[in-house]
Amino acid sequence: MPSSALAVLLFPALALIALGGNMLLLTNMQVGNLFGTHRSTVITLINGAFDSSAVIFLIIKVVHQAGISLKASFLFMSACSIIHVLRTFFLLPRTIIPYPLPDDYTYGFFCGKLKKSEDSENGDLQMRTNETQSAQEETAKPEKTFRECVLSKFFFFCLIWFSVIHLRLVLFIGTLQTTLNLLTDGEPSLVGQYINAFAFTQLCGFLCAPWNGLIMDRLKRKYKVSGMTDCEAELNSSVISLFMTALMALVFSICAAIPVLPLQYFTFVMQVLCRAFLFGSNAAFISAAFPPCHFGKVFGLVLSLGAAVSLLQYACFTVVENVLDGDPLYVNIAMVLLMLFSFIHPLSVFLHCRRIASQQNK
């Protein structure tokens, strides 16, 4: 049967890839709770791996050109998915991984069960102490409902921060071919050279994302030494991460707006850094600012609404093609101005942390 007859299957296939990939990311980020002081590093590392996963299709393209059929490549990828199925049933916990992690917490086939202590009396005492401390913390800080989380200023500013940066990233990818054609006067070999450079830089997201987590974990340990709780330390450490992401997005937007061909190599680097920091910072902030029981819902809602905002890229494409004669310069300048809104979120979190610190000092 001709392959064109089955081309319609690409639509459900791409939908399943997008849905399954995001669900895989969402359910695996809580694994960071198992790593204690390195929690943010693991969360950002997982996001970096997700960000760089698109390079798999570049690898498939290369091996296909070397003679390996697409059918064989995709069957191999499907077989590799068995690893995820086995890991889900035999290693990952059946419920949410708590944070901070209780003493003697186990994972695997008997995940979530506390080990029996040799000294049952000391074990019971320790469990009662933990329960008392947990009860005191719940009395002092009642857990927010999902509705309260969504209506909070943290959620609103986080959504603006994520949406404008994500829109800038997807718009850059969508106009990359047009931009390179303008800057190279339509030279196919030169355009191909820059497209390949851009494709290979996407692999570096996996290498860049942990930097964000390392910075956050280092700051978190510093803040905890000064007497802050885990939640306060995580929230304070996220300020630098959010600010750095917004600054990278601004620098990236400025470089993308400058019509100089060699500068685009640096633009590619900034794009990878910005994207790697964006998803890692978003996940780390949501895990710190909202109750763990609402993490999946809040994170998924931010991604969904951010994706809806990114549909504005098609309006920008229309303006570029029908109004600006194919030159995205003015749209890029507008994106630079839009990036200034991304600084509202880190400023809001910073002022909140200062206000909490001031209240505690009083």
Protein backbone atom coordinates (compact mmCIF):
# COMPACT_ATOMS: atom_id res chain seq x y z
CA MET A 1 0.00 0.00 0.00
CA PRO A 2 1.44 3.44 -0.86
CA SER A 3 2.74 5.35 2.13
CA SER A 4 0.62 8.38 1.22
CA ALA A 5 -2.50 6.34 2.02
CA LEU A 6 -1.37 6.08 5.65
CA ALA A 7 -0.21 9.66 5.97
CA VAL A 8 -3.39 10.53 7.88
CA LEU A 9 -2.05 8.46 10.79
CA LEU A 10 0.52 11.19 11.41
CA PHE A 11 -2.15 13.35 13.04
CA PRO A 12 -3.10 10.95 15.87
CA ALA A 13 0.54 9.87 16.15
CA LEU A 14 1.77 13.42 16.78
CA ALA A 15 -1.07 14.03 19.23
CA LEU A 16 -0.14 10.88 21.18
CA ILE A 17 3.55 11.84 21.19
CA ALA A 18 2.73 15.28 22.61
CA LEU A 19 0.30 13.90 25.20
CA GLY A 20 2.47 10.97 26.23
CA GLY A 21 5.64 13.06 26.41
CA ASN A 22 4.12 15.67 28.70
CA MET A 23 2.56 13.00 30.95
CA LEU A 24 5.90 11.20 31.15
CA LEU A 25 7.61 14.46 32.13
CA LEU A 26 4.95 15.35 34.68
CA THR A 27 4.93 12.00 36.46
CA ASN A 28 8.72 11.71 36.57
CA MET A 29 9.55 15.14 37.97
CA GLN A 30 8.48 14.05 41.46
CA VAL A 31 11.45 11.65 41.41
CA GLY A 32 13.46 14.73 42.41
CA ASN A 33 11.88 14.45 45.88
CA LEU A 34 14.00 11.34 46.48
CA PHE A 35 17.26 13.29 46.21
CA GLY A 36 16.94 15.69 49.17
CA THR A 37 19.30 18.63 48.82
CA HIS A 38 19.78 17.89 45.11
CA ARG A 39 16.06 18.01 44.36
CA SER A 40 16.14 21.07 42.06
CA THR A 41 19.10 19.68 40.13
CA VAL A 42 17.25 16.44 39.37
CA ILE A 43 14.04 18.28 38.41
CA THR A 44 15.87 20.55 35.99
CA LEU A 45 17.88 17.59 34.64
CA ILE A 46 14.65 15.73 33.81
CA ASN A 47 13.28 18.85 32.12
CA GLY A 48 16.53 19.22 30.17
CA ALA A 49 16.28 15.64 28.95
CA PHE A 50 12.70 16.31 27.86
CA ASP A 51 13.81 19.50 26.12
CA SER A 52 16.59 17.75 24.21
CA SER A 53 14.48 14.72 23.24
CA ALA A 54 13.65 16.32 19.88
CA VAL A 55 17.20 15.51 18.78
CA ILE A 56 16.06 11.88 18.45
CA PHE A 57 14.30 12.81 15.23
CA LEU A 58 17.51 14.36 13.94
CA ILE A 59 19.27 11.07 14.69
CA ILE A 60 16.51 9.17 12.86
CA LYS A 61 16.98 11.50 9.89
CA VAL A 62 20.74 10.86 9.85
CA VAL A 63 20.46 7.07 10.10
CA HIS A 64 17.71 7.09 7.46
CA GLN A 65 20.09 8.87 5.09
CA ALA A 66 22.62 6.16 5.93
CA GLY A 67 20.22 3.45 4.76
CA ILE A 68 18.17 2.50 7.85
CA SER A 69 14.44 2.48 7.10
CA LEU A 70 12.05 4.72 9.02
CA LYS A 71 9.96 1.66 9.92
CA ALA A 72 12.93 0.00 11.62
CA SER A 73 13.78 3.20 13.53
CA PHE A 74 10.25 3.70 14.85
CA LEU A 75 9.87 0.03 15.76
CA PHE A 76 13.09 0.30 17.76
CA MET A 77 11.75 3.38 19.57
CA SER A 78 8.51 1.54 20.34
CA ALA A 79 10.47 -1.37 21.78
CA CYS A 80 12.41 1.01 24.02
CA SER A 81 9.10 2.14 25.52
CA ILE A 82 8.88 -1.25 27.24
CA ILE A 83 11.53 0.07 29.65
CA HIS A 84 9.13 2.80 30.78
CA VAL A 85 6.34 0.28 31.30
CA LEU A 86 8.52 -2.01 33.44
CA ARG A 87 9.91 0.92 35.44
CA THR A 88 6.39 2.20 36.09
CA PHE A 89 5.20 -1.07 37.63
CA PHE A 90 8.33 -2.22 39.44
CA LEU A 91 10.22 0.90 40.49
CA LEU A 92 8.12 4.08 40.63
CA PRO A 93 5.85 4.61 43.67
CA ARG A 94 2.12 4.09 43.27
CA THR A 95 1.35 7.41 44.95
CA ILE A 96 2.86 10.90 45.12
CA ILE A 97 6.41 10.97 46.49
CA PRO A 98 6.27 13.20 49.59
CA TYR A 99 8.63 16.09 50.24
CA PRO A 100 10.42 16.36 52.60
CA LEU A 101 10.92 12.61 52.42
CA PRO A 102 9.96 10.66 55.60
CA ASP A 103 12.61 8.58 57.35
CA ASP A 104 13.04 5.04 55.96
CA TYR A 105 10.91 5.82 52.91
CA THR A 106 11.30 3.07 50.32
CA TYR A 107 10.44 2.83 46.65
CA GLY A 108 10.07 -0.02 44.25
CA PHE A 109 7.66 -2.95 44.57
CA PHE A 110 6.93 -2.10 48.22
CA CYS A 111 7.19 1.65 47.66
CA GLY A 112 6.07 4.12 50.27
CA LYS A 113 6.17 1.65 53.18
CA LEU A 114 8.32 2.46 56.16
CA LYS A 115 10.83 -0.21 57.20
CA LYS A 116 10.35 -1.95 60.53
CA SER A 117 12.77 -0.71 63.12
CA GLU A 118 14.67 -3.16 65.28
CA ASP A 119 13.73 -1.13 68.31
CA SER A 120 9.94 -0.86 67.96
CA GLU A 121 9.64 1.49 70.92
CA ASN A 122 12.07 4.01 69.43
CA GLY A 123 10.43 3.56 66.05
CA ASP A 124 6.97 4.27 67.43
CA LEU A 125 8.30 7.28 69.29
CA GLN A 126 9.93 8.63 66.16
CA MET A 127 6.74 8.13 64.16
CA ARG A 128 4.67 9.88 66.81
CA THR A 129 7.14 12.75 66.85
CA ASN A 130 6.97 13.08 63.08
CA GLU A 131 3.19 12.98 63.19
CA THR A 132 3.12 15.67 65.87
CA GLN A 133 5.46 17.90 63.89
CA SER A 134 3.43 17.38 60.72
CA ALA A 135 0.22 18.21 62.57
CA GLN A 136 1.77 21.39 63.96
CA GLU A 137 2.93 22.44 60.52
CA GLU A 138 -0.54 21.79 59.04
CA THR A 139 -2.11 23.95 61.82
CA ALA A 140 0.38 26.72 61.23
CA LYS A 141 0.13 26.58 57.42
CA PRO A 142 -3.24 25.28 56.21
CA GLU A 143 -2.97 23.78 52.74
CA LYS A 144 -4.36 25.85 49.89
CA THR A 145 -7.10 24.51 47.68
CA PHE A 146 -6.52 24.19 43.95
CA ARG A 147 -8.89 27.12 43.37
CA GLU A 148 -6.84 29.31 45.72
CA CYS A 149 -3.67 28.30 43.90
CA VAL A 150 -5.09 29.23 40.50
CA LEU A 151 -6.43 32.57 41.75
CA SER A 152 -3.16 33.53 43.46
CA LYS A 153 -0.79 36.19 42.13
CA PHE A 154 1.98 33.59 42.00
CA PHE A 155 0.03 31.58 39.44
CA PHE A 156 -0.94 34.67 37.42
CA PHE A 157 2.58 36.09 37.19
CA CYS A 158 4.06 32.63 36.58
CA LEU A 159 1.65 32.18 33.69
CA ILE A 160 2.64 35.54 32.16
CA TRP A 161 6.35 34.77 32.63
CA PHE A 162 6.08 31.33 31.04
CA SER A 163 3.71 32.35 28.23
CA VAL A 164 5.64 35.32 26.86
CA ILE A 165 8.99 33.49 26.91
CA HIS A 166 7.49 30.36 25.37
CA LEU A 167 5.82 32.44 22.66
CA ARG A 168 9.16 34.07 21.86
CA LEU A 169 10.83 30.66 21.57
CA VAL A 170 8.25 29.05 19.28
CA LEU A 171 8.01 32.20 17.14
CA PHE A 172 11.77 32.13 16.62
CA ILE A 173 11.61 28.53 15.42
CA GLY A 174 8.69 29.32 13.14
CA THR A 175 10.41 32.28 11.48
CA LEU A 176 13.92 30.79 11.44
CA GLN A 177 13.77 29.60 7.82
CA THR A 178 12.44 32.98 6.66
CA THR A 179 15.05 34.89 8.63
CA LEU A 180 17.93 32.77 7.31
CA ASN A 181 16.68 33.14 3.75
CA LEU A 182 16.75 36.92 4.13
CA LEU A 183 20.17 37.02 5.78
CA THR A 184 21.79 34.63 3.26
CA ASP A 185 20.05 36.03 0.16
CA GLY A 186 18.47 32.61 -0.31
CA GLU A 187 21.73 30.64 -0.61
CA PRO A 188 20.56 27.03 -0.02
CA SER A 189 23.89 25.62 1.19
CA LEU A 190 24.38 28.45 3.67
CA VAL A 191 20.82 28.15 4.95
CA GLY A 192 21.33 24.41 5.38
CA GLN A 193 24.55 25.03 7.30
CA TYR A 194 22.78 27.25 9.83
CA ILE A 195 19.76 24.93 10.08
CA ASN A 196 22.07 22.02 10.92
CA ALA A 197 23.89 24.15 13.50
CA PHE A 198 20.56 25.03 15.09
CA ALA A 199 19.50 21.37 15.15
CA PHE A 200 22.68 20.20 16.84
CA THR A 201 22.54 22.94 19.49
CA GLN A 202 19.17 21.54 20.65
CA LEU A 203 21.02 18.54 22.10
CA CYS A 204 22.79 20.86 24.54
CA GLY A 205 19.58 21.51 26.47
CA PHE A 206 20.25 18.33 28.44
CA LEU A 207 23.69 19.68 29.39
CA CYS A 208 22.56 23.22 30.24
CA ALA A 209 19.45 22.50 32.33
CA PRO A 210 21.27 21.08 35.41
CA TRP A 211 23.17 24.36 35.84
CA ASN A 212 19.91 25.93 36.85
CA GLY A 213 19.24 23.24 39.44
CA LEU A 214 22.78 23.37 40.81
CA ILE A 215 22.44 27.12 41.39
CA MET A 216 19.10 26.68 43.12
CA ASP A 217 20.30 23.82 45.34
CA ARG A 218 23.39 25.76 46.38
CA LEU A 219 21.32 28.82 47.29
CA LYS A 220 18.81 26.61 49.08
CA ARG A 221 21.49 25.15 51.35
CA LYS A 222 22.76 28.66 52.06
CA TYR A 223 19.30 29.92 53.02
CA LYS A 224 18.60 26.87 55.21
CA VAL A 225 21.79 27.51 57.16
CA SER A 226 20.47 31.01 57.90
CA GLY A 227 17.40 29.46 59.56
CA MET A 228 14.82 29.33 56.76
CA THR A 229 12.40 26.44 56.37
CA ASP A 230 12.55 24.19 53.30
CA CYS A 231 9.67 26.02 51.63
CA GLU A 232 11.13 29.48 52.29
CA ALA A 233 14.59 28.40 51.13
CA GLU A 234 13.20 26.98 47.88
CA LEU A 235 11.13 30.07 47.20
CA ASN A 236 14.08 32.39 47.79
CA SER A 237 16.38 30.30 45.60
CA SER A 238 13.85 30.37 42.77
CA VAL A 239 14.14 34.18 42.51
CA ILE A 240 17.59 33.99 40.90
CA SER A 241 16.49 31.19 38.60
CA LEU A 242 13.41 33.08 37.39
CA PHE A 243 15.39 36.29 36.91
CA MET A 244 18.18 34.55 34.98
CA THR A 245 15.61 32.93 32.67
CA ALA A 246 13.94 36.30 31.97
CA LEU A 247 17.35 37.91 31.35
CA MET A 248 18.34 35.15 28.94
CA ALA A 249 15.04 35.56 27.11
CA LEU A 250 15.68 39.30 26.75
CA VAL A 251 19.24 38.80 25.45
CA PHE A 252 18.03 36.06 23.11
CA SER A 253 15.27 38.32 21.75
CA ILE A 254 17.68 41.20 21.17
CA CYS A 255 20.11 38.94 19.29
CA ALA A 256 17.28 37.48 17.18
CA ALA A 257 16.17 41.01 16.24
CA ILE A 258 19.62 42.05 14.97
CA PRO A 259 19.88 41.13 11.23
CA VAL A 260 23.51 39.94 11.32
CA LEU A 261 24.07 36.40 10.03
CA PRO A 262 27.12 35.31 12.14
CA LEU A 263 25.35 36.55 15.27
CA GLN A 264 22.75 33.83 14.79
CA TYR A 265 25.17 31.21 16.12
CA PHE A 266 25.12 33.02 19.46
CA THR A 267 21.34 33.38 19.13
CA PHE A 268 21.07 29.58 18.83
CA VAL A 269 23.09 29.17 22.02
CA MET A 270 20.93 31.65 23.91
CA GLN A 271 17.80 29.95 22.61
CA VAL A 272 18.92 26.59 24.02
CA LEU A 273 19.91 28.12 27.37
CA CYS A 274 16.65 30.04 27.64
CA ARG A 275 14.52 27.02 26.79
CA ALA A 276 16.41 24.74 29.18
CA PHE A 277 16.11 27.24 32.03
CA LEU A 278 12.47 28.02 31.24
CA PHE A 279 11.01 24.55 31.80
CA GLY A 280 13.33 23.73 34.71
CA SER A 281 12.65 27.02 36.50
CA ASN A 282 8.93 26.69 35.94
CA ALA A 283 8.81 23.20 37.47
CA ALA A 284 11.09 24.11 40.39
CA PHE A 285 9.09 27.24 41.22
CA ILE A 286 5.71 25.49 41.10
CA SER A 287 7.01 22.71 43.35
CA ALA A 288 8.15 25.34 45.86
CA ALA A 289 5.23 27.77 45.71
CA PHE A 290 2.25 25.39 45.68
CA PRO A 291 1.24 22.33 47.76
CA PRO A 292 2.63 19.03 46.45
CA CYS A 293 -0.88 17.58 46.04
CA HIS A 294 -1.63 20.29 43.44
CA PHE A 295 1.71 20.19 41.61
CA GLY A 296 0.50 18.13 38.66
CA LYS A 297 -2.65 20.18 38.18
CA VAL A 298 -0.91 23.56 38.46
CA PHE A 299 2.02 22.53 36.25
CA GLY A 300 -0.28 21.04 33.63
CA LEU A 301 -2.53 24.11 33.64
CA VAL A 302 0.44 26.45 33.13
CA LEU A 303 1.67 24.35 30.20
CA SER A 304 -1.81 24.20 28.66
CA LEU A 305 -2.49 27.93 28.94
CA GLY A 306 1.05 28.71 27.77
CA ALA A 307 0.47 26.52 24.73
CA ALA A 308 -2.79 28.36 24.04
CA VAL A 309 -0.97 31.70 24.17
CA SER A 310 1.67 30.34 21.78
CA LEU A 311 -1.05 30.08 19.12
CA LEU A 312 -0.54 33.83 18.70
CA GLN A 313 2.50 32.86 16.62
CA TYR A 314 0.17 32.23 13.69
CA ALA A 315 -1.13 35.79 13.91
CA CYS A 316 2.51 36.96 13.90
CA PHE A 317 3.21 34.80 10.82
CA THR A 318 0.27 36.42 9.06
CA VAL A 319 1.54 39.90 9.89
CA VAL A 320 5.04 39.02 8.67
CA GLU A 321 3.80 37.55 5.38
CA ASN A 322 0.97 39.96 4.51
CA VAL A 323 2.01 43.24 6.11
CA LEU A 324 5.80 43.20 6.46
CA ASP A 325 6.61 41.53 3.12
CA GLY A 326 8.21 38.53 4.78
CA ASP A 327 10.60 40.53 6.98
CA PRO A 328 10.13 39.66 10.70
CA LEU A 329 12.27 42.57 11.96
CA TYR A 330 9.44 44.61 13.47
CA VAL A 331 7.83 41.54 15.02
CA ASN A 332 11.19 40.69 16.60
CA ILE A 333 11.43 44.22 18.02
CA ALA A 334 7.92 43.84 19.45
CA MET A 335 9.05 40.57 21.07
CA VAL A 336 11.95 42.36 22.74
CA LEU A 337 9.50 44.79 24.36
CA LEU A 338 7.22 41.91 25.34
CA MET A 339 10.09 40.18 27.15
CA LEU A 340 10.16 43.03 29.66
CA PHE A 341 6.93 41.65 31.12
CA SER A 342 8.75 38.46 32.08
CA PHE A 343 10.64 40.34 34.80
CA ILE A 344 7.41 40.96 36.74
CA HIS A 345 7.34 37.39 38.04
CA PRO A 346 10.81 37.24 39.66
CA LEU A 347 10.24 40.73 41.07
CA SER A 348 6.95 39.62 42.61
CA VAL A 349 8.54 36.54 44.22
CA PHE A 350 11.46 38.63 45.48
CA LEU A 351 9.14 41.18 47.13
CA HIS A 352 7.11 38.37 48.68
CA CYS A 353 10.24 36.79 50.19
CA ARG A 354 11.37 40.17 51.51
CA ARG A 355 7.98 40.75 53.08
CA ILE A 356 8.01 37.34 54.80
CA ALA A 357 11.54 37.95 56.09
CA SER A 358 10.54 41.37 57.41
CA GLN A 359 7.54 39.89 59.25
CA GLN A 360 9.70 37.22 60.84
CA ASN A 361 12.25 39.79 61.98
CA LYS A 362 9.51 41.82 63.64
